[in-house]
PDB file of all heavy atoms in Angstrom:
ATOM      1  N   ALA A   1     -26.806   5.606   3.565  1.00  0.00           N
ATOM      2  CA  ALA A   1     -25.751   4.633   3.791  1.00  0.00           C
ATOM      3  C   ALA A   1     -25.230   4.131   2.398  1.00  0.00           C
ATOM      4  O   ALA A   1     -24.869   3.006   2.329  1.00  0.00           O
ATOM      5  CB  ALA A   1     -26.178   3.387   4.703  1.00  0.00           C
ATOM      6  N   ALA A   2     -25.214   5.093   1.371  1.00  0.00           N
ATOM      7  CA  ALA A   2     -24.842   4.617   0.042  1.00  0.00           C
ATOM      8  C   ALA A   2     -23.424   5.311  -0.329  1.00  0.00           C
ATOM      9  O   ALA A   2     -22.752   4.893  -1.219  1.00  0.00           O
ATOM     10  CB  ALA A   2     -25.837   5.068  -0.908  1.00  0.00           C
ATOM     11  N   MET A   3     -22.994   6.232   0.416  1.00  0.00           N
ATOM     12  CA  MET A   3     -21.769   6.827  -0.020  1.00  0.00           C
ATOM     13  C   MET A   3     -20.543   5.939   0.002  1.00  0.00           C
ATOM     14  O   MET A   3     -19.756   6.003  -1.089  1.00  0.00           O
ATOM     15  CB  MET A   3     -21.299   8.049   1.136  1.00  0.00           C
ATOM     16  CG  MET A   3     -20.155   8.763   0.833  1.00  0.00           C
ATOM     17  SD  MET A   3     -20.257   9.793  -0.742  1.00  0.00           S
ATOM     18  CE  MET A   3     -20.915  11.308   0.040  1.00  0.00           C
ATOM     19  N   ASP A   4     -20.336   5.068   0.768  1.00  0.00           N
ATOM     20  CA  ASP A   4     -19.155   4.116   0.854  1.00  0.00           C
ATOM     21  C   ASP A   4     -19.107   3.389  -0.433  1.00  0.00           C
ATOM     22  O   ASP A   4     -18.103   3.248  -1.098  1.00  0.00           O
ATOM     23  CB  ASP A   4     -19.116   3.277   2.048  1.00  0.00           C
ATOM     24  CG  ASP A   4     -18.856   3.981   3.341  1.00  0.00           C
ATOM     25  OD1 ASP A   4     -18.369   5.201   3.298  1.00  0.00           O
ATOM     26  OD2 ASP A   4     -19.179   3.534   4.406  1.00  0.00           O
ATOM     27  N   PHE A   5     -20.163   2.653  -0.787  1.00  0.00           N
ATOM     28  CA  PHE A   5     -20.094   1.742  -1.990  1.00  0.00           C
ATOM     29  C   PHE A   5     -20.087   2.655  -3.268  1.00  0.00           C
ATOM     30  O   PHE A   5     -19.555   2.222  -4.262  1.00  0.00           O
ATOM     31  CB  PHE A   5     -21.451   0.849  -2.025  1.00  0.00           C
ATOM     32  CG  PHE A   5     -22.617   1.448  -2.691  1.00  0.00           C
ATOM     33  CD1 PHE A   5     -22.644   1.470  -4.126  1.00  0.00           C
ATOM     34  CD2 PHE A   5     -23.801   1.756  -1.904  1.00  0.00           C
ATOM     35  CE1 PHE A   5     -23.955   1.897  -4.648  1.00  0.00           C
ATOM     36  CE2 PHE A   5     -24.800   2.232  -2.611  1.00  0.00           C
ATOM     37  CZ  PHE A   5     -25.035   2.225  -3.916  1.00  0.00           C
ATOM     38  N   ILE A   6     -20.687   3.979  -3.217  1.00  0.00           N
ATOM     39  CA  ILE A   6     -20.537   4.620  -4.415  1.00  0.00           C
ATOM     40  C   ILE A   6     -19.050   5.131  -4.689  1.00  0.00           C
ATOM     41  O   ILE A   6     -18.515   5.015  -5.802  1.00  0.00           O
ATOM     42  CB  ILE A   6     -21.452   5.979  -4.340  1.00  0.00           C
ATOM     43  CG1 ILE A   6     -22.936   5.550  -4.170  1.00  0.00           C
ATOM     44  CG2 ILE A   6     -21.226   7.066  -5.306  1.00  0.00           C
ATOM     45  CD1 ILE A   6     -23.883   6.869  -3.980  1.00  0.00           C
ATOM     46  N   LEU A   7     -18.442   5.649  -3.638  1.00  0.00           N
ATOM     47  CA  LEU A   7     -17.015   6.051  -3.796  1.00  0.00           C
ATOM     48  C   LEU A   7     -16.125   4.791  -4.121  1.00  0.00           C
ATOM     49  O   LEU A   7     -14.966   4.996  -4.583  1.00  0.00           O
ATOM     50  CB  LEU A   7     -16.536   6.670  -2.580  1.00  0.00           C
ATOM     51  CG  LEU A   7     -17.256   7.994  -2.190  1.00  0.00           C
ATOM     52  CD1 LEU A   7     -16.680   8.693  -0.958  1.00  0.00           C
ATOM     53  CD2 LEU A   7     -17.149   8.999  -3.303  1.00  0.00           C
ATOM     54  N   SER A   8     -16.555   3.572  -3.833  1.00  0.00           N
ATOM     55  CA  SER A   8     -15.792   2.466  -4.108  1.00  0.00           C
ATOM     56  C   SER A   8     -15.748   2.081  -5.569  1.00  0.00           C
ATOM     57  O   SER A   8     -14.908   1.345  -6.038  1.00  0.00           O
ATOM     58  CB  SER A   8     -16.161   1.206  -3.287  1.00  0.00           C
ATOM     59  OG  SER A   8     -17.428   0.708  -3.744  1.00  0.00           O
ATOM     60  N   LYS A   9     -16.745   2.571  -6.282  1.00  0.00           N
ATOM     61  CA  LYS A   9     -16.853   2.343  -7.694  1.00  0.00           C
ATOM     62  C   LYS A   9     -15.720   3.208  -8.447  1.00  0.00           C
ATOM     63  O   LYS A   9     -15.391   4.304  -8.116  1.00  0.00           O
ATOM     64  CB  LYS A   9     -18.171   2.783  -8.239  1.00  0.00           C
ATOM     65  CG  LYS A   9     -19.367   2.226  -7.562  1.00  0.00           C
ATOM     66  CD  LYS A   9     -19.407   0.658  -7.958  1.00  0.00           C
ATOM     67  CE  LYS A   9     -20.654   0.050  -7.234  1.00  0.00           C
ATOM     68  NZ  LYS A   9     -20.789  -1.492  -7.520  1.00  0.00           N
ATOM     69  N   ARG A  10     -15.229   2.681  -9.544  1.00  0.00           N
ATOM     70  CA  ARG A  10     -14.227   3.385 -10.222  1.00  0.00           C
ATOM     71  C   ARG A  10     -14.573   4.762 -10.748  1.00  0.00           C
ATOM     72  O   ARG A  10     -13.736   5.670 -10.562  1.00  0.00           O
ATOM     73  CB  ARG A  10     -13.709   2.556 -11.579  1.00  0.00           C
ATOM     74  CG  ARG A  10     -12.608   3.103 -12.360  1.00  0.00           C
ATOM     75  CD  ARG A  10     -12.260   2.326 -13.456  1.00  0.00           C
ATOM     76  NE  ARG A  10     -11.616   0.969 -12.971  1.00  0.00           N
ATOM     77  CZ  ARG A  10     -11.231  -0.064 -13.710  1.00  0.00           C
ATOM     78  NH1 ARG A  10     -11.389   0.000 -15.010  1.00  0.00           N
ATOM     79  NH2 ARG A  10     -10.710  -1.153 -13.120  1.00  0.00           N
ATOM     80  N   ALA A  11     -15.734   4.908 -11.251  1.00  0.00           N
ATOM     81  CA  ALA A  11     -16.289   6.097 -11.655  1.00  0.00           C
ATOM     82  C   ALA A  11     -17.112   6.993 -10.623  1.00  0.00           C
ATOM     83  O   ALA A  11     -17.580   8.042 -10.825  1.00  0.00           O
ATOM     84  CB  ALA A  11     -17.082   6.064 -12.896  1.00  0.00           C
ATOM     85  N   GLY A  12     -17.240   6.369  -9.317  1.00  0.00           N
ATOM     86  CA  GLY A  12     -17.903   7.079  -8.299  1.00  0.00           C
ATOM     87  C   GLY A  12     -19.400   7.310  -8.727  1.00  0.00           C
ATOM     88  O   GLY A  12     -20.046   6.451  -9.193  1.00  0.00           O
ATOM     89  N   TYR A  13     -19.638   8.740  -8.504  1.00  0.00           N
ATOM     90  CA  TYR A  13     -21.044   9.073  -8.777  1.00  0.00           C
ATOM     91  C   TYR A  13     -21.500   9.108 -10.382  1.00  0.00           C
ATOM     92  O   TYR A  13     -22.501   9.053 -10.699  1.00  0.00           O
ATOM     93  CB  TYR A  13     -21.338  10.472  -8.421  1.00  0.00           C
ATOM     94  CG  TYR A  13     -21.590  10.567  -6.835  1.00  0.00           C
ATOM     95  CD1 TYR A  13     -20.633  10.736  -6.001  1.00  0.00           C
ATOM     96  CD2 TYR A  13     -22.950  10.409  -6.306  1.00  0.00           C
ATOM     97  CE1 TYR A  13     -20.843  10.829  -4.631  1.00  0.00           C
ATOM     98  CE2 TYR A  13     -23.148  10.525  -5.036  1.00  0.00           C
ATOM     99  CZ  TYR A  13     -22.181  10.628  -4.114  1.00  0.00           C
ATOM    100  OH  TYR A  13     -22.439  10.805  -2.733  1.00  0.00           O
ATOM    101  N   ASP A  14     -20.428   9.010 -11.180  1.00  0.00           N
ATOM    102  CA  ASP A  14     -20.547   8.855 -12.608  1.00  0.00           C
ATOM    103  C   ASP A  14     -20.634   7.534 -13.080  1.00  0.00           C
ATOM    104  O   ASP A  14     -20.752   7.239 -14.348  1.00  0.00           O
ATOM    105  CB  ASP A  14     -19.421   9.577 -13.359  1.00  0.00           C
ATOM    106  CG  ASP A  14     -19.339  11.147 -13.098  1.00  0.00           C
ATOM    107  OD1 ASP A  14     -20.515  11.597 -12.960  1.00  0.00           O
ATOM    108  OD2 ASP A  14     -18.089  11.708 -13.022  1.00  0.00           O
ATOM    109  N   THR A  15     -20.767   6.491 -12.161  1.00  0.00           N
ATOM    110  CA  THR A  15     -20.893   5.112 -12.638  1.00  0.00           C
ATOM    111  C   THR A  15     -22.339   4.853 -13.349  1.00  0.00           C
ATOM    112  O   THR A  15     -23.363   5.224 -12.659  1.00  0.00           O
ATOM    113  CB  THR A  15     -20.801   4.102 -11.405  1.00  0.00           C
ATOM    114  OG1 THR A  15     -19.525   4.335 -10.882  1.00  0.00           O
ATOM    115  CG2 THR A  15     -20.955   2.689 -11.915  1.00  0.00           C
ATOM    116  N   VAL A  16     -22.393   4.387 -14.554  1.00  0.00           N
ATOM    117  CA  VAL A  16     -23.576   4.034 -15.144  1.00  0.00           C
ATOM    118  C   VAL A  16     -24.151   2.602 -14.493  1.00  0.00           C
ATOM    119  O   VAL A  16     -23.309   1.746 -14.577  1.00  0.00           O
ATOM    120  CB  VAL A  16     -23.462   3.871 -16.666  1.00  0.00           C
ATOM    121  CG1 VAL A  16     -24.734   3.444 -17.336  1.00  0.00           C
ATOM    122  CG2 VAL A  16     -22.872   5.198 -17.159  1.00  0.00           C
ATOM    123  N   VAL A  17     -25.295   2.741 -14.034  1.00  0.00           N
ATOM    124  CA  VAL A  17     -25.829   1.547 -13.287  1.00  0.00           C
ATOM    125  C   VAL A  17     -26.361   0.404 -14.128  1.00  0.00           C
ATOM    126  O   VAL A  17     -26.707  -0.656 -13.665  1.00  0.00           O
ATOM    127  CB  VAL A  17     -27.021   1.994 -12.370  1.00  0.00           C
ATOM    128  CG1 VAL A  17     -26.532   3.128 -11.377  1.00  0.00           C
ATOM    129  CG2 VAL A  17     -28.217   2.372 -12.994  1.00  0.00           C
ATOM    130  N   GLY A  18     -26.458   0.675 -15.548  1.00  0.00           N
ATOM    131  CA  GLY A  18     -26.994  -0.413 -16.291  1.00  0.00           C
ATOM    132  C   GLY A  18     -28.545  -0.348 -16.427  1.00  0.00           C
ATOM    133  O   GLY A  18     -29.240   0.387 -15.632  1.00  0.00           O
ATOM    134  N   GLU A  19     -29.066  -1.187 -17.288  1.00  0.00           N
ATOM    135  CA  GLU A  19     -30.550  -1.215 -17.425  1.00  0.00           C
ATOM    136  C   GLU A  19     -31.221  -1.754 -16.160  1.00  0.00           C
ATOM    137  O   GLU A  19     -30.832  -2.850 -15.673  1.00  0.00           O
ATOM    138  CB  GLU A  19     -30.897  -2.094 -18.646  1.00  0.00           C
ATOM    139  CG  GLU A  19     -32.370  -2.022 -18.941  1.00  0.00           C
ATOM    140  CD  GLU A  19     -32.792  -2.657 -20.307  1.00  0.00           C
ATOM    141  OE1 GLU A  19     -31.779  -3.052 -21.033  1.00  0.00           O
ATOM    142  OE2 GLU A  19     -33.896  -3.069 -20.519  1.00  0.00           O
ATOM    143  N   ARG A  20     -32.161  -0.928 -15.564  1.00  0.00           N
ATOM    144  CA  ARG A  20     -32.792  -1.254 -14.176  1.00  0.00           C
ATOM    145  C   ARG A  20     -31.799  -1.534 -13.205  1.00  0.00           C
ATOM    146  O   ARG A  20     -32.063  -2.182 -12.405  1.00  0.00           O
ATOM    147  CB  ARG A  20     -33.758  -2.447 -14.547  1.00  0.00           C
ATOM    148  CG  ARG A  20     -34.766  -2.267 -15.602  1.00  0.00           C
ATOM    149  CD  ARG A  20     -35.859  -3.277 -15.570  1.00  0.00           C
ATOM    150  NE  ARG A  20     -36.724  -3.116 -14.416  1.00  0.00           N
ATOM    151  CZ  ARG A  20     -37.602  -2.225 -14.267  1.00  0.00           C
ATOM    152  NH1 ARG A  20     -38.009  -1.456 -15.233  1.00  0.00           N
ATOM    153  NH2 ARG A  20     -38.402  -2.163 -13.204  1.00  0.00           N
ATOM    154  N   GLY A  21     -30.607  -0.936 -13.264  1.00  0.00           N
ATOM    155  CA  GLY A  21     -29.602  -1.027 -12.192  1.00  0.00           C
ATOM    156  C   GLY A  21     -28.847  -2.388 -12.207  1.00  0.00           C
ATOM    157  O   GLY A  21     -28.431  -2.872 -11.230  1.00  0.00           O
ATOM    158  N   ALA A  22     -28.790  -2.980 -13.334  1.00  0.00           N
ATOM    159  CA  ALA A  22     -28.280  -4.441 -13.326  1.00  0.00           C
ATOM    160  C   ALA A  22     -26.669  -4.471 -12.956  1.00  0.00           C
ATOM    161  O   ALA A  22     -26.316  -5.607 -12.557  1.00  0.00           O
ATOM    162  CB  ALA A  22     -28.422  -4.854 -14.825  1.00  0.00           C
ATOM    163  N   GLN A  23     -26.080  -3.367 -13.084  1.00  0.00           N
ATOM    164  CA  GLN A  23     -24.598  -3.355 -12.708  1.00  0.00           C
ATOM    165  C   GLN A  23     -24.429  -3.358 -11.147  1.00  0.00           C
ATOM    166  O   GLN A  23     -23.371  -3.318 -10.667  1.00  0.00           O
ATOM    167  CB  GLN A  23     -23.928  -2.278 -13.409  1.00  0.00           C
ATOM    168  CG  GLN A  23     -23.949  -2.334 -14.918  1.00  0.00           C
ATOM    169  CD  GLN A  23     -23.336  -3.555 -15.479  1.00  0.00           C
ATOM    170  OE1 GLN A  23     -22.441  -4.091 -15.002  1.00  0.00           O
ATOM    171  NE2 GLN A  23     -24.109  -4.041 -16.324  1.00  0.00           N
ATOM    172  N   LEU A  24     -25.490  -3.195 -10.394  1.00  0.00           N
ATOM    173  CA  LEU A  24     -25.391  -3.052  -8.958  1.00  0.00           C
ATOM    174  C   LEU A  24     -26.087  -4.300  -8.257  1.00  0.00           C
ATOM    175  O   LEU A  24     -26.968  -4.851  -8.768  1.00  0.00           O
ATOM    176  CB  LEU A  24     -26.110  -1.658  -8.486  1.00  0.00           C
ATOM    177  CG  LEU A  24     -25.640  -0.344  -9.140  1.00  0.00           C
ATOM    178  CD1 LEU A  24     -26.434   0.726  -8.593  1.00  0.00           C
ATOM    179  CD2 LEU A  24     -24.082  -0.227  -8.916  1.00  0.00           C
ATOM    180  N   SER A  25     -25.711  -4.360  -6.967  1.00  0.00           N
ATOM    181  CA  SER A  25     -26.403  -5.351  -6.192  1.00  0.00           C
ATOM    182  C   SER A  25     -27.808  -4.882  -5.718  1.00  0.00           C
ATOM    183  O   SER A  25     -28.197  -3.693  -5.807  1.00  0.00           O
ATOM    184  CB  SER A  25     -25.565  -5.686  -4.938  1.00  0.00           C
ATOM    185  OG  SER A  25     -25.504  -4.629  -4.007  1.00  0.00           O
ATOM    186  N   GLY A  26     -28.621  -5.821  -5.184  1.00  0.00           N
ATOM    187  CA  GLY A  26     -29.890  -5.391  -4.710  1.00  0.00           C
ATOM    188  C   GLY A  26     -29.854  -4.385  -3.550  1.00  0.00           C
ATOM    189  O   GLY A  26     -30.682  -3.468  -3.645  1.00  0.00           O
ATOM    190  N   GLY A  27     -28.957  -4.590  -2.628  1.00  0.00           N
ATOM    191  CA  GLY A  27     -28.786  -3.691  -1.603  1.00  0.00           C
ATOM    192  C   GLY A  27     -28.303  -2.244  -2.033  1.00  0.00           C
ATOM    193  O   GLY A  27     -28.752  -1.163  -1.625  1.00  0.00           O
ATOM    194  N   GLU A  28     -27.461  -2.261  -3.084  1.00  0.00           N
ATOM    195  CA  GLU A  28     -26.954  -0.981  -3.643  1.00  0.00           C
ATOM    196  C   GLU A  28     -28.230  -0.254  -4.324  1.00  0.00           C
ATOM    197  O   GLU A  28     -28.300   1.056  -4.297  1.00  0.00           O
ATOM    198  CB  GLU A  28     -25.841  -1.284  -4.667  1.00  0.00           C
ATOM    199  CG  GLU A  28     -24.544  -1.782  -3.819  1.00  0.00           C
ATOM    200  CD  GLU A  28     -23.419  -2.008  -4.767  1.00  0.00           C
ATOM    201  OE1 GLU A  28     -23.734  -2.338  -5.963  1.00  0.00           O
ATOM    202  OE2 GLU A  28     -22.325  -2.151  -4.255  1.00  0.00           O
ATOM    203  N   ARG A  29     -28.981  -0.997  -5.191  1.00  0.00           N
ATOM    204  CA  ARG A  29     -30.096  -0.390  -5.786  1.00  0.00           C
ATOM    205  C   ARG A  29     -30.982   0.290  -4.767  1.00  0.00           C
ATOM    206  O   ARG A  29     -31.459   1.355  -4.964  1.00  0.00           O
ATOM    207  CB  ARG A  29     -30.796  -1.372  -6.650  1.00  0.00           C
ATOM    208  CG  ARG A  29     -29.893  -1.848  -7.849  1.00  0.00           C
ATOM    209  CD  ARG A  29     -30.813  -2.594  -8.821  1.00  0.00           C
ATOM    210  NE  ARG A  29     -31.290  -3.955  -8.393  1.00  0.00           N
ATOM    211  CZ  ARG A  29     -30.687  -5.039  -8.557  1.00  0.00           C
ATOM    212  NH1 ARG A  29     -29.608  -5.104  -9.154  1.00  0.00           N
ATOM    213  NH2 ARG A  29     -31.272  -6.234  -8.002  1.00  0.00           N
ATOM    214  N   GLN A  30     -31.296  -0.431  -3.765  1.00  0.00           N
ATOM    215  CA  GLN A  30     -32.267   0.075  -2.765  1.00  0.00           C
ATOM    216  C   GLN A  30     -31.773   1.337  -2.078  1.00  0.00           C
ATOM    217  O   GLN A  30     -32.519   2.219  -1.728  1.00  0.00           O
ATOM    218  CB  GLN A  30     -32.592  -1.015  -1.703  1.00  0.00           C
ATOM    219  CG  GLN A  30     -33.513  -2.262  -2.250  1.00  0.00           C
ATOM    220  CD  GLN A  30     -34.798  -1.681  -2.758  1.00  0.00           C
ATOM    221  OE1 GLN A  30     -35.000  -1.377  -4.007  1.00  0.00           O
ATOM    222  NE2 GLN A  30     -35.741  -1.679  -2.018  1.00  0.00           N
ATOM    223  N   ARG A  31     -30.443   1.425  -1.802  1.00  0.00           N
ATOM    224  CA  ARG A  31     -29.928   2.481  -1.124  1.00  0.00           C
ATOM    225  C   ARG A  31     -29.877   3.788  -2.064  1.00  0.00           C
ATOM    226  O   ARG A  31     -30.106   4.912  -1.560  1.00  0.00           O
ATOM    227  CB  ARG A  31     -28.560   2.064  -0.584  1.00  0.00           C
ATOM    228  CG  ARG A  31     -28.643   1.524   0.803  1.00  0.00           C
ATOM    229  CD  ARG A  31     -27.199   0.976   1.293  1.00  0.00           C
ATOM    230  NE  ARG A  31     -26.809  -0.092   0.545  1.00  0.00           N
ATOM    231  CZ  ARG A  31     -25.525  -0.655   0.774  1.00  0.00           C
ATOM    232  NH1 ARG A  31     -24.628   0.128   1.425  1.00  0.00           N
ATOM    233  NH2 ARG A  31     -25.096  -1.757   0.037  1.00  0.00           N
ATOM    234  N   ILE A  32     -29.710   3.530  -3.331  1.00  0.00           N
ATOM    235  CA  ILE A  32     -29.820   4.687  -4.233  1.00  0.00           C
ATOM    236  C   ILE A  32     -31.314   5.143  -4.334  1.00  0.00           C
ATOM    237  O   ILE A  32     -31.658   6.435  -4.335  1.00  0.00           O
ATOM    238  CB  ILE A  32     -29.390   4.209  -5.618  1.00  0.00           C
ATOM    239  CG1 ILE A  32     -27.892   3.936  -5.629  1.00  0.00           C
ATOM    240  CG2 ILE A  32     -29.760   5.228  -6.654  1.00  0.00           C
ATOM    241  CD1 ILE A  32     -27.245   3.531  -6.920  1.00  0.00           C
ATOM    242  N   ALA A  33     -32.261   4.166  -4.292  1.00  0.00           N
ATOM    243  CA  ALA A  33     -33.737   4.567  -4.135  1.00  0.00           C
ATOM    244  C   ALA A  33     -33.949   5.370  -2.943  1.00  0.00           C
ATOM    245  O   ALA A  33     -34.780   6.273  -3.009  1.00  0.00           O
ATOM    246  CB  ALA A  33     -34.561   3.267  -4.328  1.00  0.00           C
ATOM    247  N   ILE A  34     -33.450   4.990  -1.846  1.00  0.00           N
ATOM    248  CA  ILE A  34     -33.692   5.647  -0.610  1.00  0.00           C
ATOM    249  C   ILE A  34     -32.965   6.996  -0.659  1.00  0.00           C
ATOM    250  O   ILE A  34     -33.496   8.036  -0.288  1.00  0.00           O
ATOM    251  CB  ILE A  34     -32.980   4.833   0.567  1.00  0.00           C
ATOM    252  CG1 ILE A  34     -33.845   3.675   0.808  1.00  0.00           C
ATOM    253  CG2 ILE A  34     -33.100   5.679   1.904  1.00  0.00           C
ATOM    254  CD1 ILE A  34     -33.202   2.466   1.775  1.00  0.00           C
ATOM    255  N   ALA A  35     -31.752   7.115  -1.226  1.00  0.00           N
ATOM    256  CA  ALA A  35     -31.090   8.480  -1.317  1.00  0.00           C
ATOM    257  C   ALA A  35     -31.961   9.467  -2.175  1.00  0.00           C
ATOM    258  O   ALA A  35     -32.138  10.535  -2.000  1.00  0.00           O
ATOM    259  CB  ALA A  35     -29.812   8.380  -1.944  1.00  0.00           C
ATOM    260  N   ARG A  36     -32.532   8.870  -3.302  1.00  0.00           N
ATOM    261  CA  ARG A  36     -33.555   9.569  -4.040  1.00  0.00           C
ATOM    262  C   ARG A  36     -34.679  10.178  -3.198  1.00  0.00           C
ATOM    263  O   ARG A  36     -35.046  11.273  -3.433  1.00  0.00           O
ATOM    264  CB  ARG A  36     -34.030   8.669  -5.246  1.00  0.00           C
ATOM    265  CG  ARG A  36     -34.893   9.347  -6.286  1.00  0.00           C
ATOM    266  CD  ARG A  36     -34.814   8.627  -7.635  1.00  0.00           C
ATOM    267  NE  ARG A  36     -35.397   7.197  -7.338  1.00  0.00           N
ATOM    268  CZ  ARG A  36     -35.371   6.181  -8.174  1.00  0.00           C
ATOM    269  NH1 ARG A  36     -34.609   6.210  -9.243  1.00  0.00           N
ATOM    270  NH2 ARG A  36     -35.879   4.964  -7.976  1.00  0.00           N
ATOM    271  N   ALA A  37     -35.275   9.263  -2.471  1.00  0.00           N
ATOM    272  CA  ALA A  37     -36.422   9.794  -1.575  1.00  0.00           C
ATOM    273  C   ALA A  37     -35.965  10.859  -0.626  1.00  0.00           C
ATOM    274  O   ALA A  37     -36.607  11.755  -0.188  1.00  0.00           O
ATOM    275  CB  ALA A  37     -36.876   8.475  -0.878  1.00  0.00           C
ATOM    276  N   VAL A  38     -34.719  10.576  -0.137  1.00  0.00           N
ATOM    277  CA  VAL A  38     -34.251  11.565   0.991  1.00  0.00           C
ATOM    278  C   VAL A  38     -34.054  12.868   0.262  1.00  0.00           C
ATOM    279  O   VAL A  38     -34.399  14.026   0.856  1.00  0.00           O
ATOM    280  CB  VAL A  38     -32.784  11.147   1.466  1.00  0.00           C
ATOM    281  CG1 VAL A  38     -32.081  12.352   2.279  1.00  0.00           C
ATOM    282  CG2 VAL A  38     -33.018   9.755   2.373  1.00  0.00           C
ATOM    283  N   LEU A  39     -33.488  12.978  -0.999  1.00  0.00           N
ATOM    284  CA  LEU A  39     -33.288  14.190  -1.623  1.00  0.00           C
ATOM    285  C   LEU A  39     -34.624  14.836  -1.994  1.00  0.00           C
ATOM    286  O   LEU A  39     -34.683  16.082  -1.994  1.00  0.00           O
ATOM    287  CB  LEU A  39     -32.538  14.004  -2.981  1.00  0.00           C
ATOM    288  CG  LEU A  39     -31.963  15.173  -3.757  1.00  0.00           C
ATOM    289  CD1 LEU A  39     -31.064  15.976  -2.882  1.00  0.00           C
ATOM    290  CD2 LEU A  39     -31.307  14.671  -5.055  1.00  0.00           C
ATOM    291  N   LYS A  40     -35.631  14.161  -2.309  1.00  0.00           N
ATOM    292  CA  LYS A  40     -36.953  14.683  -2.613  1.00  0.00           C
ATOM    293  C   LYS A  40     -37.516  15.454  -1.474  1.00  0.00           C
ATOM    294  O   LYS A  40     -38.285  16.370  -1.504  1.00  0.00           O
ATOM    295  CB  LYS A  40     -37.967  13.643  -3.019  1.00  0.00           C
ATOM    296  CG  LYS A  40     -39.235  14.162  -3.602  1.00  0.00           C
ATOM    297  CD  LYS A  40     -40.110  13.020  -4.160  1.00  0.00           C
ATOM    298  CE  LYS A  40     -41.354  13.707  -4.764  1.00  0.00           C
ATOM    299  NZ  LYS A  40     -42.317  12.889  -5.339  1.00  0.00           N
ATOM    300  N   ASP A  41     -37.209  14.918  -0.197  1.00  0.00           N
ATOM    301  CA  ASP A  41     -37.670  15.644   1.049  1.00  0.00           C
ATOM    302  C   ASP A  41     -39.155  15.836   1.089  1.00  0.00           C
ATOM    303  O   ASP A  41     -39.539  16.921   1.417  1.00  0.00           O
ATOM    304  CB  ASP A  41     -36.877  16.791   1.230  1.00  0.00           C
ATOM    305  CG  ASP A  41     -37.004  17.456   2.716  1.00  0.00           C
ATOM    306  OD1 ASP A  41     -37.432  16.654   3.587  1.00  0.00           O
ATOM    307  OD2 ASP A  41     -36.925  18.640   2.836  1.00  0.00           O
ATOM    308  N   ALA A  42     -39.899  14.782   0.773  1.00  0.00           N
ATOM    309  CA  ALA A  42     -41.481  14.924   0.758  1.00  0.00           C
ATOM    310  C   ALA A  42     -41.959  14.561   2.121  1.00  0.00           C
ATOM    311  O   ALA A  42     -41.245  13.866   2.874  1.00  0.00           O
ATOM    312  CB  ALA A  42     -42.025  13.913  -0.245  1.00  0.00           C
ATOM    313  N   PRO A  43     -43.057  15.153   2.567  1.00  0.00           N
ATOM    314  CA  PRO A  43     -43.504  14.945   3.923  1.00  0.00           C
ATOM    315  C   PRO A  43     -44.190  13.690   4.230  1.00  0.00           C
ATOM    316  O   PRO A  43     -44.458  13.157   5.215  1.00  0.00           O
ATOM    317  CB  PRO A  43     -44.675  16.051   4.042  1.00  0.00           C
ATOM    318  CG  PRO A  43     -45.165  16.393   2.610  1.00  0.00           C
ATOM    319  CD  PRO A  43     -43.895  16.195   1.824  1.00  0.00           C
ATOM    320  N   ILE A  44     -44.534  12.990   3.009  1.00  0.00           N
ATOM    321  CA  ILE A  44     -45.102  11.504   3.132  1.00  0.00           C
ATOM    322  C   ILE A  44     -44.146  10.551   2.426  1.00  0.00           C
ATOM    323  O   ILE A  44     -43.637  10.723   1.245  1.00  0.00           O
ATOM    324  CB  ILE A  44     -46.437  11.546   2.442  1.00  0.00           C
ATOM    325  CG1 ILE A  44     -47.374  12.490   3.172  1.00  0.00           C
ATOM    326  CG2 ILE A  44     -47.148  10.065   2.476  1.00  0.00           C
ATOM    327  CD1 ILE A  44     -48.809  12.585   2.399  1.00  0.00           C
ATOM    328  N   LEU A  45     -44.048   9.461   3.145  1.00  0.00           N
ATOM    329  CA  LEU A  45     -42.998   8.460   2.528  1.00  0.00           C
ATOM    330  C   LEU A  45     -43.889   7.149   2.477  1.00  0.00           C
ATOM    331  O   LEU A  45     -44.526   6.771   3.369  1.00  0.00           O
ATOM    332  CB  LEU A  45     -41.800   8.185   3.555  1.00  0.00           C
ATOM    333  CG  LEU A  45     -40.906   7.092   3.222  1.00  0.00           C
ATOM    334  CD1 LEU A  45     -40.202   7.379   1.866  1.00  0.00           C
ATOM    335  CD2 LEU A  45     -39.902   6.865   4.314  1.00  0.00           C
TER     336      LEU A  45
END
């Protein structure tokens, strides 16, 4: 559920998130972390 807010950014996927994701909200940071876990596709979460 991260696509909408990513595309709303001026640079989209090329947006630099800042140190420890400081340029994003807490919910946005967590959804990127979830997308990372989805992409890894590991059997244990």
